[in-house]
């Protein structure tokens, strides 16, 4: 079996989108201090955007803000819980007052853990739906209003392939992500007349501290999951961020209401037999 394709380096990605790709644009990223959100915050700032990171835990902001000072990026951060509708609205107004507009919103804040449906508490169910589904709507509504006033913008939602396939152990997250996927299509249709594009990306399993701790907490589980991926490895946060940057770039200006799957083939139907083996047919019955 051939070795899996290696993930692209930061230098390779930088060759495809120049440093002024998002110049003069203001980008808001929820959950932007860790994992995919962190890499996307870096990528947008590297390419000229003024980035505002929103997350519940301000401790997640510190390393990124220090990196921004060293590299001269325009990044600010605020503590915000996406489940609080009034706080989301107030934060959106403060950001618009400071920056004058918002061009890009990435709804990346999420919560997830594995739990059988029959053992899931109401609080666990409500917590994940509150962050993923309610939070995506509250942020889209508040920042979308400012985009309507300013004549356009774009929203990118982070979903998952189990939004349409389902997966045991994550009924709360799968249900919430399915709602976000439908929300993506609905808002894309409703807000296209305002010049607002709304798309989604569905990553497969990729390397991040949060996912690793909650979904594959030990090496054996990770290896088992990797074997189920046709490309035989997990993705990386950098790879996922690169696809997000493309979707947000001018190269993607005529796409709305779509969901791009980036999962190494893990959502494809698995073979019914071992690839490369010759099938032996049963003898005909007499």
Protein backbone atom coordinates (compact mmCIF):
# COMPACT_ATOMS: atom_id res chain seq x y z
CA UNK A 1 0.00 0.00 0.00
CA UNK A 2 1.35 3.43 -0.91
CA UNK A 3 2.04 5.97 1.82
CA UNK A 4 -0.67 8.58 2.52
CA UNK A 5 -0.22 11.96 0.92
CA UNK A 6 1.53 14.36 3.26
CA UNK A 7 -0.34 17.49 4.36
CA UNK A 8 0.76 20.72 2.66
CA UNK A 9 3.17 23.03 4.44
CA UNK A 10 2.35 26.61 5.40
CA UNK A 11 4.79 27.79 2.71
CA UNK A 12 2.98 25.83 -0.03
CA UNK A 13 -0.36 27.28 1.01
CA UNK A 14 1.04 30.82 1.05
CA UNK A 15 1.97 30.54 -2.65
CA UNK A 16 -1.66 30.28 -3.71
CA UNK A 17 -3.23 33.21 -1.83
CA UNK A 18 -1.20 36.43 -1.77
CA UNK A 19 -0.69 38.57 1.32
CA UNK A 20 -3.28 41.16 0.31
CA UNK A 21 -6.12 38.71 -0.41
CA UNK A 22 -8.25 40.05 2.48
CA UNK A 23 -6.86 43.58 2.67
CA UNK A 24 -9.31 46.14 4.13
CA UNK A 25 -11.70 43.39 5.25
CA UNK A 26 -12.90 42.84 8.82
CA UNK A 27 -13.29 39.20 9.87
CA UNK A 28 -14.99 37.86 13.00
CA UNK A 29 -14.24 34.28 14.08
CA UNK A 30 -16.03 32.55 16.95
CA UNK A 31 -13.90 30.01 18.77
CA UNK A 32 -10.94 31.64 17.03
CA UNK A 33 -8.29 31.02 19.68
CA UNK A 34 -7.78 27.25 19.31
CA UNK A 35 -7.72 24.51 16.66
CA UNK A 36 -9.19 25.37 13.27
CA UNK A 37 -10.26 28.81 14.49
CA UNK A 38 -6.69 29.65 15.51
CA UNK A 39 -5.23 28.62 12.15
CA UNK A 40 -7.94 30.51 10.30
CA UNK A 41 -7.35 33.63 12.42
CA UNK A 42 -3.66 33.44 11.50
CA UNK A 43 -4.39 32.87 7.83
CA UNK A 44 -6.77 35.80 7.51
CA UNK A 45 -4.47 38.15 9.44
CA UNK A 46 -1.44 37.08 7.36
CA UNK A 47 -3.38 38.09 4.26
CA UNK A 48 -4.38 41.56 5.39
CA UNK A 49 -7.65 41.14 7.29
CA UNK A 50 -8.45 42.87 10.55
CA UNK A 51 -9.45 39.90 12.69
CA UNK A 52 -11.62 39.86 15.80
CA UNK A 53 -11.57 36.60 17.75
CA UNK A 54 -14.52 35.70 20.00
CA UNK A 55 -14.55 32.85 22.50
CA UNK A 56 -15.73 32.12 26.02
CA UNK A 57 -12.30 31.61 27.56
CA UNK A 58 -10.04 34.69 27.32
CA UNK A 59 -7.04 32.52 28.19
CA UNK A 60 -7.28 31.08 24.67
CA UNK A 61 -6.62 34.56 23.26
CA UNK A 62 -3.28 35.26 24.91
CA UNK A 63 -0.90 33.20 22.69
CA UNK A 64 -2.52 34.47 19.49
CA UNK A 65 -2.43 38.11 20.60
CA UNK A 66 1.25 37.77 21.51
CA UNK A 67 1.96 36.22 18.12
CA UNK A 68 0.03 39.04 16.43
CA UNK A 69 2.14 41.68 18.18
CA UNK A 70 5.35 39.96 17.08
CA UNK A 71 4.24 39.63 13.44
CA UNK A 72 2.37 42.92 13.08
CA UNK A 73 -1.05 41.39 12.51
CA UNK A 74 -4.21 43.35 13.27
CA UNK A 75 -5.96 40.98 15.70
CA UNK A 76 -8.19 41.80 18.65
CA UNK A 77 -10.08 39.44 20.94
CA UNK A 78 -13.16 39.55 23.16
CA UNK A 79 -14.69 37.10 25.60
CA UNK A 80 -18.20 36.14 24.48
CA UNK A 81 -20.59 33.24 24.93
CA UNK A 82 -22.42 32.65 21.64
CA UNK A 83 -25.41 31.23 23.56
CA UNK A 84 -26.24 34.67 25.00
CA UNK A 85 -28.31 36.45 22.35
CA UNK A 86 -28.14 39.91 23.97
CA UNK A 87 -24.38 39.68 24.52
CA UNK A 88 -23.86 38.60 20.91
CA UNK A 89 -25.84 41.62 19.71
CA UNK A 90 -23.93 44.03 21.97
CA UNK A 91 -20.60 42.59 20.86
CA UNK A 92 -21.54 42.91 17.19
CA UNK A 93 -22.45 46.57 17.70
CA UNK A 94 -19.17 47.25 19.50
CA UNK A 95 -17.13 45.64 16.74
CA UNK A 96 -18.94 47.60 14.04
CA UNK A 97 -18.47 50.80 16.02
CA UNK A 98 -14.73 50.09 16.30
CA UNK A 99 -14.06 48.84 12.76
CA UNK A 100 -16.92 50.43 10.81
CA UNK A 101 -18.12 47.15 9.30
CA UNK A 102 -17.85 43.36 9.28
CA UNK A 103 -17.14 41.62 5.96
CA UNK A 104 -16.64 38.03 7.12
CA UNK A 105 -18.19 35.94 9.88
CA UNK A 106 -16.93 32.42 10.59
CA UNK A 107 -19.20 30.44 12.92
CA UNK A 108 -16.63 28.05 14.34
CA UNK A 109 -17.57 27.81 18.05
CA UNK A 110 -18.58 24.26 18.92
CA UNK A 111 -18.99 21.73 21.70
CA UNK A 112 -18.85 17.95 21.40
CA UNK A 113 -18.21 14.77 23.33
CA UNK A 114 -19.15 11.11 22.88
CA UNK A 115 -22.19 9.90 24.81
CA UNK A 116 -24.81 7.24 23.99
CA UNK A 117 -28.18 8.84 23.34
CA UNK A 118 -29.93 6.87 26.10
CA UNK A 119 -27.49 8.23 28.71
CA UNK A 120 -27.45 11.85 27.54
CA UNK A 121 -28.80 14.37 30.02
CA UNK A 122 -31.01 17.29 29.10
CA UNK A 123 -28.23 19.67 30.14
CA UNK A 124 -25.70 17.94 27.85
CA UNK A 125 -28.14 18.06 24.92
CA UNK A 126 -29.04 21.68 25.53
CA UNK A 127 -25.42 22.78 25.99
CA UNK A 128 -24.23 21.52 22.60
CA UNK A 129 -27.32 22.69 20.73
CA UNK A 130 -27.00 26.06 22.46
CA UNK A 131 -23.43 26.56 21.29
CA UNK A 132 -23.68 25.09 17.80
CA UNK A 133 -27.22 25.78 16.60
CA UNK A 134 -28.40 28.73 18.70
CA UNK A 135 -24.98 30.37 18.68
CA UNK A 136 -24.65 30.13 14.90
CA UNK A 137 -28.05 31.74 14.45
CA UNK A 138 -27.49 34.51 17.01
CA UNK A 139 -24.15 35.45 15.44
CA UNK A 140 -25.47 35.19 11.88
CA UNK A 141 -28.47 37.35 12.72
CA UNK A 142 -26.51 40.08 14.53
CA UNK A 143 -23.59 40.31 12.12
CA UNK A 144 -25.87 39.66 9.14
CA UNK A 145 -27.86 42.79 10.00
CA UNK A 146 -24.69 44.87 9.74
CA UNK A 147 -23.80 43.22 6.42
CA UNK A 148 -27.25 44.04 5.05
CA UNK A 149 -26.76 47.71 6.00
CA UNK A 150 -23.30 47.77 4.44
CA UNK A 151 -24.29 46.12 1.18
CA UNK A 152 -22.89 42.61 1.56
CA UNK A 153 -20.52 40.20 3.19
CA UNK A 154 -20.10 36.50 3.72
CA UNK A 155 -20.66 33.88 6.38
CA UNK A 156 -18.88 30.53 6.65
CA UNK A 157 -20.28 27.84 8.95
CA UNK A 158 -18.27 24.87 10.21
CA UNK A 159 -20.38 21.70 10.17
CA UNK A 160 -19.48 17.98 9.97
CA UNK A 161 -20.21 15.12 7.60
CA UNK A 162 -22.33 13.37 10.24
CA UNK A 163 -24.82 16.23 9.80
CA UNK A 164 -26.29 14.15 6.96
CA UNK A 165 -24.95 10.67 7.69
CA UNK A 166 -25.46 10.52 11.46
CA UNK A 167 -22.95 8.84 13.78
CA UNK A 168 -23.38 6.90 17.02
CA UNK A 169 -22.44 8.77 20.18
CA UNK A 170 -22.91 12.32 18.92
CA UNK A 171 -26.65 12.72 18.52
CA UNK A 172 -26.47 16.21 20.08
CA UNK A 173 -23.73 17.47 17.78
CA UNK A 174 -25.10 15.72 14.67
CA UNK A 175 -28.55 17.21 15.23
CA UNK A 176 -27.10 20.68 15.80
CA UNK A 177 -24.83 20.52 12.77
CA UNK A 178 -27.73 19.31 10.61
CA UNK A 179 -29.63 22.39 11.70
CA UNK A 180 -26.67 24.61 10.84
CA UNK A 181 -26.41 23.01 7.38
CA UNK A 182 -30.07 23.80 6.69
CA UNK A 183 -29.59 27.28 8.15
CA UNK A 184 -26.71 27.79 5.71
CA UNK A 185 -28.91 27.04 2.72
CA UNK A 186 -31.84 29.06 4.04
CA UNK A 187 -29.80 32.19 4.80
CA UNK A 188 -27.97 31.88 1.48
CA UNK A 189 -31.29 31.94 -0.35
CA UNK A 190 -32.81 34.66 1.82
CA UNK A 191 -29.83 37.03 1.94
CA UNK A 192 -28.45 36.69 -1.59
CA UNK A 193 -30.40 39.80 -2.58
CA UNK A 194 -28.37 41.74 0.00
CA UNK A 195 -25.05 40.59 -1.49
CA UNK A 196 -24.39 38.15 1.37
CA UNK A 197 -22.97 34.72 0.58
CA UNK A 198 -23.41 31.91 3.10
CA UNK A 199 -21.48 28.64 2.76
CA UNK A 200 -20.33 25.76 4.95
CA UNK A 201 -17.41 23.39 5.20
CA UNK A 202 -17.65 19.86 6.58
CA UNK A 203 -14.27 18.67 7.86
CA UNK A 204 -13.58 15.04 8.58
CA UNK A 205 -11.40 14.01 11.54
CA UNK A 206 -8.47 16.39 11.86
CA UNK A 207 -5.76 16.90 14.43
CA UNK A 208 -6.72 19.34 17.19
CA UNK A 209 -6.49 19.30 20.97
CA UNK A 210 -10.23 19.61 21.53
CA UNK A 211 -11.25 16.82 19.16
CA UNK A 212 -8.45 14.56 20.37
CA UNK A 213 -9.47 14.90 23.99
CA UNK A 214 -13.18 14.32 23.35
CA UNK A 215 -13.42 12.00 20.35
CA UNK A 216 -10.23 9.87 20.25
CA UNK A 217 -8.65 10.25 23.69
CA UNK A 218 -6.00 7.52 23.30
CA UNK A 219 -3.58 6.31 20.60
CA UNK A 220 -5.42 3.05 19.92
CA UNK A 221 -8.68 4.86 19.20
CA UNK A 222 -6.88 7.32 16.94
CA UNK A 223 -5.22 4.52 14.95
CA UNK A 224 -8.57 2.74 14.58
CA UNK A 225 -10.16 5.90 13.24
CA UNK A 226 -7.25 6.59 10.89
CA UNK A 227 -7.64 3.11 9.37
CA UNK A 228 -11.22 4.03 8.46
CA UNK A 229 -10.08 7.06 6.43
CA UNK A 230 -9.40 6.09 2.78
CA UNK A 231 -6.40 8.45 2.65
CA UNK A 232 -5.11 6.76 5.85
CA UNK A 233 -4.45 9.83 7.96
CA UNK A 234 -6.25 12.61 9.77
CA UNK A 235 -6.32 16.08 8.32
CA UNK A 236 -4.59 18.99 10.00
CA UNK A 237 -5.95 22.28 11.29
CA UNK A 238 -3.76 24.02 8.70
CA UNK A 239 -5.35 22.03 5.86
CA UNK A 240 -8.86 22.82 7.07
CA UNK A 241 -7.98 26.50 7.43
CA UNK A 242 -6.55 26.52 3.88
CA UNK A 243 -9.88 25.30 2.48
CA UNK A 244 -11.72 27.92 4.53
CA UNK A 245 -9.44 30.64 3.17
CA UNK A 246 -10.22 29.54 -0.37
CA UNK A 247 -13.96 29.57 0.31
CA UNK A 248 -13.69 33.09 1.74
CA UNK A 249 -11.42 34.39 -1.03
CA UNK A 250 -12.43 36.27 -4.21
CA UNK A 251 -11.77 33.03 -6.14
CA UNK A 252 -15.05 31.75 -4.70
CA UNK A 253 -17.24 34.76 -5.45
CA UNK A 254 -20.09 32.88 -7.22
CA UNK A 255 -20.75 30.20 -4.64
CA UNK A 256 -23.45 30.37 -2.00
CA UNK A 257 -25.59 27.88 -0.13
CA UNK A 258 -23.00 25.14 -0.65
CA UNK A 259 -21.20 22.79 1.71
CA UNK A 260 -17.68 21.60 0.86
CA UNK A 261 -16.62 18.22 2.27
CA UNK A 262 -12.94 17.93 3.24
CA UNK A 263 -12.53 14.58 4.98
CA UNK A 264 -9.96 12.38 3.25
CA UNK A 265 -12.83 10.29 1.89
CA UNK A 266 -14.00 9.16 5.33
CA UNK A 267 -17.67 9.83 4.54
CA UNK A 268 -17.59 7.58 1.46
CA UNK A 269 -19.17 4.14 1.47
CA UNK A 270 -16.68 1.58 2.75
CA UNK A 271 -15.98 -1.48 0.50
CA UNK A 272 -17.81 -4.75 1.15
CA UNK A 273 -14.62 -6.71 0.53
CA UNK A 274 -10.89 -6.23 1.05
CA UNK A 275 -9.55 -4.13 -1.87
CA UNK A 276 -7.08 -6.07 -4.04
CA UNK A 277 -8.49 -9.51 -3.26
CA UNK A 278 -10.17 -11.78 -5.80
CA UNK A 279 -13.74 -12.71 -4.92
CA UNK A 280 -14.60 -16.39 -4.80
CA UNK A 281 -18.08 -17.17 -6.04
CA UNK A 282 -20.23 -19.72 -4.30
CA UNK A 283 -21.00 -22.79 -6.40
CA UNK A 284 -24.43 -22.79 -7.95
CA UNK A 285 -27.07 -24.75 -6.13
CA UNK A 286 -28.43 -27.76 -8.00
